[in-house]
Amino acid sequence: MPSPSESQSNQLRSPSLSVVVPAYNEEEVLPEFHSRMVSVLNTLAWEWTLIYVNDGSSDQTLLKMLSLRNQDTRICVIDLSRNFGKEIALTAGLDHATGDAVVVIDADLQDPPELIPALLEKLSSGYDVVYAQRTTREGESPLKKLTARSFYRVIQQLTRVQIPVDTGDFRVMSQRVVQSLGTLRERNRFMKGLFAWVGFRQGALPYRRHPRFAGRTKWNYWRLWNLAIEGVTSFSMAPLRVATYVGLMVATGALLYAAVTIYRTLTYGEAVAGYPSLMVVILLLGGVQLMTMGILGEYVGRMFDETKRRPLYFIQNYHSAAGPSAGAAASARVTDSATGQG
């Protein structure tokens, strides 16, 4: 039980904020992002720490992060041993985020740092998660807008978890949500789904998404397609059920075709089955079987990854911050999180 002096000290202490920024090859945009981010954070009545996660960048991103840290002790830099992907880099940042509230934001400035005060204000009204929900997606092609819009609505229909539509990773969370996320150590991670899966009281804050400030997006259509598969297979068994239903439909069609063939043979005294129809049936059945095996393979592959129990990530170098939300607690956790074990 805390003493009266400790209770009074906790009441007088300013709330702490951790900002997690995963980055991969963002040397062009990082200085502008940092300038705008610090300008926003300095207006807050929060003691803050900025956590940069270098996800194995091959350009000067890490050097720029370290240069920024040398100028401000409230900056923490986590240098991963290689490129593990954004979902893992984000997890590494959350493992080291010890603030009373934690903001997740990308470094490309499509999500404006200036929205953070509004997110925190809504969080203080009783929410545990406040996510920024896009009303527009500026600077993106019509095809990308269409596919993104379709994906969010399809995955809502396929999963029992209500993943918010038109919502990325940009959000603010309470520390208890971050700790809950820390207990989820699955290897195939779809963070948007995990944010929704943990539950708690969540609210939306609409905003206009800006075009990328500089550099090129790392998310081409192939990577977006793989992320979509990751999201569906991580939170839904619907593809397996679809494969079952398709198999039943094909089997029913085959039985009907066999009955027609037998009837015509008995009635007209001749076998109707010819080479073209036989090839069509064989190719159809073969295609359905391969598709079903592919769906099964996606799930079996994920089970295989999970059973190996490999760490999520390794940290090459950890440059801690001197800020209050990255102090003793973060230092105590760095040994475990350096191997991604949590």
Protein backbone atom coordinates (compact mmCIF):
# COMPACT_ATOMS: atom_id res chain seq x y z
CA MET A 1 0.00 0.00 0.00
CA PRO A 2 1.59 3.34 -1.04
CA SER A 3 2.36 5.87 1.66
CA PRO A 4 0.51 9.22 1.71
CA SER A 5 3.61 10.95 0.29
CA GLU A 6 3.82 8.43 -2.57
CA SER A 7 0.13 8.87 -3.34
CA GLN A 8 0.54 12.65 -3.39
CA SER A 9 3.59 12.31 -5.65
CA ASN A 10 1.65 10.12 -8.11
CA GLN A 11 -1.17 12.66 -8.19
CA LEU A 12 1.24 15.52 -8.91
CA ARG A 13 3.19 13.59 -11.56
CA SER A 14 2.40 14.55 -15.14
CA PRO A 15 1.03 11.72 -17.28
CA SER A 16 3.60 10.06 -19.51
CA LEU A 17 3.27 9.42 -23.23
CA SER A 18 5.20 6.99 -25.45
CA VAL A 19 5.12 7.46 -29.23
CA VAL A 20 6.09 4.38 -31.28
CA VAL A 21 7.37 5.02 -34.83
CA PRO A 22 8.40 1.97 -36.91
CA ALA A 23 10.46 2.99 -39.94
CA TYR A 24 12.05 1.27 -42.93
CA ASN A 25 14.10 3.34 -45.41
CA GLU A 26 12.53 6.67 -44.41
CA GLU A 27 15.64 8.89 -44.56
CA GLU A 28 13.92 11.43 -46.81
CA VAL A 29 10.91 12.05 -44.60
CA LEU A 30 12.34 11.48 -41.11
CA PRO A 31 13.69 15.02 -40.42
CA GLU A 32 10.38 16.67 -41.36
CA PHE A 33 8.41 14.05 -39.43
CA HIS A 34 10.55 14.57 -36.32
CA SER A 35 10.27 18.33 -36.51
CA ARG A 36 6.49 18.25 -36.72
CA MET A 37 6.19 15.52 -34.10
CA VAL A 38 8.33 17.31 -31.50
CA SER A 39 6.48 20.57 -32.15
CA VAL A 40 3.22 18.81 -31.30
CA LEU A 41 4.56 16.91 -28.29
CA ASN A 42 6.06 20.05 -26.74
CA THR A 43 2.60 21.62 -26.60
CA LEU A 44 1.24 18.79 -24.46
CA ALA A 45 1.09 18.65 -20.67
CA TRP A 46 2.59 15.15 -20.92
CA GLU A 47 6.08 13.88 -20.24
CA TRP A 48 6.89 12.14 -23.49
CA THR A 49 9.29 9.66 -25.05
CA LEU A 50 9.66 9.12 -28.79
CA ILE A 51 10.53 5.51 -29.69
CA TYR A 52 11.98 5.02 -33.17
CA VAL A 53 12.23 1.42 -34.43
CA ASN A 54 14.65 0.88 -37.30
CA ASP A 55 13.37 -2.16 -39.18
CA GLY A 56 16.63 -3.11 -40.89
CA SER A 57 16.79 -0.05 -43.14
CA SER A 58 19.38 -0.10 -45.94
CA ASP A 59 19.65 3.69 -46.26
CA GLN A 60 20.62 6.39 -43.74
CA THR A 61 17.49 6.03 -41.60
CA LEU A 62 19.36 4.65 -38.58
CA LEU A 63 22.04 7.34 -38.70
CA LYS A 64 19.38 10.04 -38.78
CA MET A 65 17.60 8.41 -35.81
CA LEU A 66 20.84 8.34 -33.80
CA SER A 67 21.58 11.94 -34.73
CA LEU A 68 18.16 12.99 -33.46
CA ARG A 69 18.71 11.04 -30.24
CA ASN A 70 22.03 12.81 -29.66
CA GLN A 71 20.12 16.09 -29.76
CA ASP A 72 17.29 15.02 -27.43
CA THR A 73 17.52 12.51 -24.57
CA ARG A 74 13.76 11.86 -24.74
CA ILE A 75 14.30 9.81 -27.90
CA CYS A 76 14.78 6.05 -27.84
CA VAL A 77 16.16 4.10 -30.84
CA ILE A 78 15.59 0.37 -31.29
CA ASP A 79 17.73 -1.07 -34.08
CA LEU A 80 16.46 -4.49 -35.15
CA SER A 81 18.99 -7.05 -36.41
CA ARG A 82 17.30 -7.21 -39.84
CA ASN A 83 14.10 -6.30 -41.65
CA PHE A 84 11.34 -8.22 -39.84
CA GLY A 85 8.41 -6.35 -41.39
CA LYS A 86 6.26 -3.54 -40.08
CA GLU A 87 4.03 -5.69 -37.86
CA ILE A 88 7.03 -7.07 -35.95
CA ALA A 89 8.76 -3.67 -35.79
CA LEU A 90 5.59 -2.20 -34.33
CA THR A 91 5.52 -5.01 -31.77
CA ALA A 92 9.12 -4.28 -30.77
CA GLY A 93 8.21 -0.65 -30.18
CA LEU A 94 5.17 -1.54 -28.10
CA ASP A 95 7.30 -3.91 -26.00
CA HIS A 96 9.36 -0.88 -24.93
CA ALA A 97 6.50 1.60 -24.55
CA THR A 98 5.87 2.23 -20.86
CA GLY A 99 3.91 5.50 -20.96
CA ASP A 100 0.48 5.90 -19.43
CA ALA A 101 -0.70 6.33 -23.02
CA VAL A 102 0.95 5.03 -26.18
CA VAL A 103 0.62 6.48 -29.68
CA VAL A 104 1.38 4.42 -32.79
CA ILE A 105 2.13 6.37 -35.98
CA ASP A 106 3.99 5.86 -39.27
CA ALA A 107 6.86 8.13 -40.28
CA ASP A 108 5.62 8.93 -43.79
CA LEU A 109 3.40 11.84 -42.58
CA GLN A 110 0.28 10.42 -44.20
CA ASP A 111 -1.02 10.37 -40.65
CA PRO A 112 -0.60 13.94 -39.28
CA PRO A 113 1.09 14.23 -35.85
CA GLU A 114 -1.07 17.30 -35.28
CA LEU A 115 -3.99 14.95 -34.62
CA ILE A 116 -2.38 13.51 -31.47
CA PRO A 117 -3.82 16.13 -29.04
CA ALA A 118 -7.33 15.33 -30.27
CA LEU A 119 -6.68 11.60 -29.85
CA LEU A 120 -5.46 12.14 -26.28
CA GLU A 121 -8.41 14.36 -25.47
CA LYS A 122 -10.84 11.66 -26.56
CA LEU A 123 -8.84 9.00 -24.70
CA SER A 124 -9.27 10.98 -21.48
CA SER A 125 -13.05 10.81 -21.82
CA GLY A 126 -13.09 7.13 -20.82
CA TYR A 127 -11.70 5.23 -23.82
CA ASP A 128 -8.85 2.73 -23.78
CA VAL A 129 -8.23 2.96 -27.53
CA VAL A 130 -8.92 5.85 -29.89
CA TYR A 131 -8.13 5.07 -33.52
CA ALA A 132 -7.90 7.55 -36.38
CA GLN A 133 -10.44 6.65 -39.08
CA ARG A 134 -9.83 7.88 -42.61
CA THR A 135 -12.53 9.87 -44.35
CA THR A 136 -10.36 10.41 -47.45
CA ARG A 137 -7.13 8.88 -48.75
CA GLU A 138 -5.26 11.64 -50.58
CA GLY A 139 -2.40 10.85 -52.95
CA GLU A 140 -3.50 7.28 -53.70
CA SER A 141 -4.71 5.80 -56.97
CA PRO A 142 -8.41 4.94 -57.48
CA LEU A 143 -7.48 1.25 -57.67
CA LYS A 144 -5.70 1.32 -54.31
CA LYS A 145 -8.60 3.17 -52.70
CA LEU A 146 -11.05 0.62 -54.10
CA THR A 147 -9.05 -2.42 -53.01
CA ALA A 148 -8.47 -0.98 -49.51
CA ARG A 149 -12.14 -0.14 -49.09
CA SER A 150 -13.16 -3.61 -50.31
CA PHE A 151 -10.67 -5.39 -48.04
CA TYR A 152 -11.90 -3.79 -44.83
CA ARG A 153 -15.51 -4.58 -45.65
CA VAL A 154 -14.80 -8.16 -46.72
CA ILE A 155 -12.78 -8.95 -43.60
CA GLN A 156 -15.57 -7.56 -41.43
CA GLN A 157 -17.93 -10.07 -43.00
CA LEU A 158 -15.50 -12.98 -42.61
CA THR A 159 -14.40 -12.49 -39.00
CA ARG A 160 -16.15 -12.38 -35.66
CA VAL A 161 -13.82 -9.58 -34.56
CA GLN A 162 -15.13 -6.19 -35.64
CA ILE A 163 -12.07 -4.65 -37.26
CA PRO A 164 -12.85 -0.95 -37.90
CA VAL A 165 -13.14 -0.03 -41.57
CA ASP A 166 -10.81 2.53 -43.17
CA THR A 167 -8.49 2.40 -40.17
CA GLY A 168 -4.72 1.90 -40.10
CA ASP A 169 -2.31 1.64 -37.19
CA PHE A 170 -2.51 5.33 -36.20
CA ARG A 171 -4.09 5.38 -32.72
CA VAL A 172 -3.56 6.02 -29.03
CA MET A 173 -3.93 3.30 -26.39
CA SER A 174 -3.89 3.09 -22.62
CA GLN A 175 -1.07 1.18 -20.97
CA ARG A 176 -3.33 -1.72 -20.02
CA VAL A 177 -4.17 -2.26 -23.69
CA VAL A 178 -0.47 -2.23 -24.56
CA GLN A 179 0.22 -4.77 -21.82
CA SER A 180 -2.60 -6.97 -23.13
CA LEU A 181 -1.13 -6.82 -26.63
CA GLY A 182 2.23 -7.79 -25.15
CA THR A 183 0.83 -11.15 -24.09
CA LEU A 184 -0.03 -12.03 -27.70
CA ARG A 185 3.18 -13.48 -29.13
CA GLU A 186 1.90 -15.14 -32.31
CA ARG A 187 4.38 -15.11 -35.19
CA ASN A 188 2.00 -14.26 -38.03
CA ARG A 189 0.76 -10.88 -36.88
CA PHE A 190 -1.99 -8.71 -38.30
CA MET A 191 -1.84 -5.79 -35.90
CA LYS A 192 -5.08 -4.14 -37.01
CA GLY A 193 -6.88 -7.34 -36.05
CA LEU A 194 -4.99 -7.69 -32.76
CA PHE A 195 -5.84 -4.10 -31.80
CA ALA A 196 -9.52 -4.98 -32.21
CA TRP A 197 -9.28 -8.49 -30.72
CA VAL A 198 -8.10 -7.33 -27.26
CA GLY A 199 -11.33 -5.40 -26.86
CA PHE A 200 -11.72 -2.65 -24.22
CA ARG A 201 -13.63 0.54 -24.94
CA GLN A 202 -12.63 1.85 -28.37
CA GLY A 203 -13.63 4.98 -30.23
CA ALA A 204 -12.98 6.55 -33.63
CA LEU A 205 -11.69 9.98 -34.58
CA PRO A 206 -12.31 10.85 -38.27
CA TYR A 207 -9.54 12.56 -40.22
CA ARG A 208 -8.28 13.25 -43.74
CA ARG A 209 -5.29 11.13 -44.64
CA HIS A 210 -2.54 13.11 -46.35
CA PRO A 211 -0.36 12.02 -49.26
CA ARG A 212 3.13 10.71 -48.46
CA PHE A 213 5.48 13.64 -47.72
CA ALA A 214 8.55 12.15 -49.45
CA GLY A 215 10.01 8.86 -50.62
CA ARG A 216 8.12 5.89 -52.01
CA THR A 217 5.66 3.58 -50.30
CA LYS A 218 6.96 0.13 -49.40
CA TRP A 219 3.49 -1.37 -49.82
CA ASN A 220 3.11 -2.53 -53.42
CA TYR A 221 0.10 -4.55 -54.50
CA TRP A 222 1.85 -7.88 -53.91
CA ARG A 223 2.68 -6.99 -50.30
CA LEU A 224 -0.82 -5.65 -49.75
CA TRP A 225 -2.25 -8.90 -51.13
CA ASN A 226 -0.10 -10.95 -48.74
CA LEU A 227 -1.15 -8.70 -45.84
CA ALA A 228 -4.79 -9.27 -46.77
CA ILE A 229 -4.25 -13.05 -46.74
CA GLU A 230 -2.51 -12.67 -43.37
CA GLY A 231 -5.47 -10.78 -41.98
CA VAL A 232 -8.10 -13.22 -43.23
CA THR A 233 -6.27 -16.39 -42.19
CA SER A 234 -5.33 -14.94 -38.77
CA PHE A 235 -8.88 -14.10 -37.77
CA SER A 236 -11.22 -16.27 -39.84
CA MET A 237 -11.91 -19.91 -40.70
CA ALA A 238 -14.14 -18.83 -43.58
CA PRO A 239 -11.69 -19.87 -46.35
CA LEU A 240 -11.71 -23.44 -45.04
CA ARG A 241 -15.50 -23.46 -45.02
CA VAL A 242 -15.59 -22.03 -48.55
CA ALA A 243 -13.28 -24.83 -49.70
CA THR A 244 -15.64 -27.36 -48.12
CA TYR A 245 -18.69 -25.86 -49.80
CA VAL A 246 -16.96 -25.67 -53.18
CA GLY A 247 -15.96 -29.33 -52.82
CA LEU A 248 -19.54 -30.29 -52.03
CA MET A 249 -20.83 -28.33 -55.02
CA VAL A 250 -18.33 -29.95 -57.38
CA ALA A 251 -19.09 -33.41 -56.00
CA THR A 252 -22.82 -32.81 -56.41
CA GLY A 253 -22.29 -31.63 -59.98
CA ALA A 254 -20.19 -34.70 -60.72
CA LEU A 255 -22.91 -37.01 -59.37
CA LEU A 256 -25.56 -35.25 -61.48
CA TYR A 257 -23.37 -35.51 -64.56
CA ALA A 258 -22.81 -39.21 -63.88
CA ALA A 259 -26.57 -39.77 -63.53
CA VAL A 260 -27.23 -38.03 -66.85
CA THR A 261 -24.52 -40.09 -68.53
CA ILE A 262 -25.96 -43.36 -67.19
CA TYR A 263 -29.48 -42.36 -68.24
CA ARG A 264 -28.44 -41.50 -71.78
CA THR A 265 -26.42 -44.70 -72.08
CA LEU A 266 -29.34 -46.85 -70.95
CA THR A 267 -31.86 -44.96 -73.10
CA TYR A 268 -29.90 -44.61 -76.33
CA GLY A 269 -27.53 -47.51 -75.95
CA GLU A 270 -24.37 -45.44 -76.39
CA ALA A 271 -21.73 -43.95 -74.15
CA VAL A 272 -21.78 -40.17 -74.33
CA ALA A 273 -18.51 -39.39 -72.48
CA GLY A 274 -15.97 -38.04 -74.93
CA TYR A 275 -12.47 -36.68 -74.72
CA PRO A 276 -13.37 -32.93 -74.48
CA SER A 277 -15.92 -33.39 -71.69
CA LEU A 278 -13.59 -35.77 -69.87
CA MET A 279 -10.75 -33.24 -69.96
CA VAL A 280 -13.04 -30.47 -68.72
CA VAL A 281 -14.12 -32.54 -65.73
CA ILE A 282 -10.55 -33.60 -64.92
CA LEU A 283 -9.22 -30.05 -65.12
CA LEU A 284 -12.12 -28.70 -63.07
CA LEU A 285 -11.66 -31.25 -60.31
CA GLY A 286 -7.88 -30.79 -60.38
CA GLY A 287 -8.22 -27.03 -60.07
CA VAL A 288 -10.63 -27.29 -57.15
CA GLN A 289 -8.35 -29.75 -55.39
CA LEU A 290 -5.28 -27.55 -55.84
CA MET A 291 -7.18 -24.49 -54.61
CA THR A 292 -8.36 -26.39 -51.54
CA MET A 293 -4.86 -27.68 -50.86
CA GLY A 294 -3.55 -24.12 -51.13
CA ILE A 295 -6.05 -22.88 -48.54
CA LEU A 296 -5.15 -25.74 -46.24
CA GLY A 297 -1.48 -25.01 -46.83
CA GLU A 298 -1.90 -21.40 -45.64
CA TYR A 299 -3.27 -22.58 -42.31
CA VAL A 300 -0.83 -25.49 -41.94
CA GLY A 301 2.08 -23.13 -42.70
CA ARG A 302 0.97 -20.81 -39.94
CA MET A 303 0.70 -23.70 -37.52
CA PHE A 304 4.22 -24.75 -38.53
CA ASP A 305 5.57 -21.26 -37.81
CA GLU A 306 3.88 -21.16 -34.41
CA THR A 307 5.18 -24.57 -33.30
CA LYS A 308 8.82 -23.54 -33.89
CA ARG A 309 8.49 -20.93 -31.13
CA ARG A 310 11.13 -18.65 -32.60
CA PRO A 311 11.51 -15.17 -31.06
CA LEU A 312 9.60 -12.46 -32.87
CA TYR A 313 12.70 -10.33 -33.40
CA PHE A 314 16.25 -9.63 -32.31
CA ILE A 315 17.64 -6.23 -31.35
CA GLN A 316 21.06 -5.30 -32.69
CA ASN A 317 21.39 -2.12 -30.63
CA TYR A 318 19.15 -0.49 -28.06
CA HIS A 319 19.64 3.19 -27.37
CA SER A 320 17.40 4.03 -24.42
CA ALA A 321 15.89 7.40 -23.69
CA ALA A 322 16.35 9.34 -20.50
CA GLY A 323 12.68 10.33 -20.46
CA PRO A 324 10.35 9.25 -17.66
CA SER A 325 8.35 6.81 -19.76
CA ALA A 326 11.43 4.89 -20.86
CA GLY A 327 13.28 4.68 -17.61
CA ALA A 328 13.71 1.81 -15.18
CA ALA A 329 10.71 -0.16 -16.45
CA ALA A 330 11.99 -0.21 -20.03
CA SER A 331 15.48 -1.09 -18.87
CA ALA A 332 14.13 -4.05 -16.91
CA ARG A 333 12.30 -5.32 -19.96
CA VAL A 334 15.05 -4.89 -22.54
CA THR A 335 16.75 -8.21 -21.76
CA ASP A 336 13.64 -10.22 -22.62
CA SER A 337 12.42 -8.04 -25.47
CA ALA A 338 15.82 -8.08 -27.14
CA THR A 339 14.88 -11.57 -28.25
CA GLY A 340 11.24 -10.71 -28.80
CA GLN A 341 10.07 -13.14 -26.12
CA GLY A 342 8.19 -10.50 -24.09
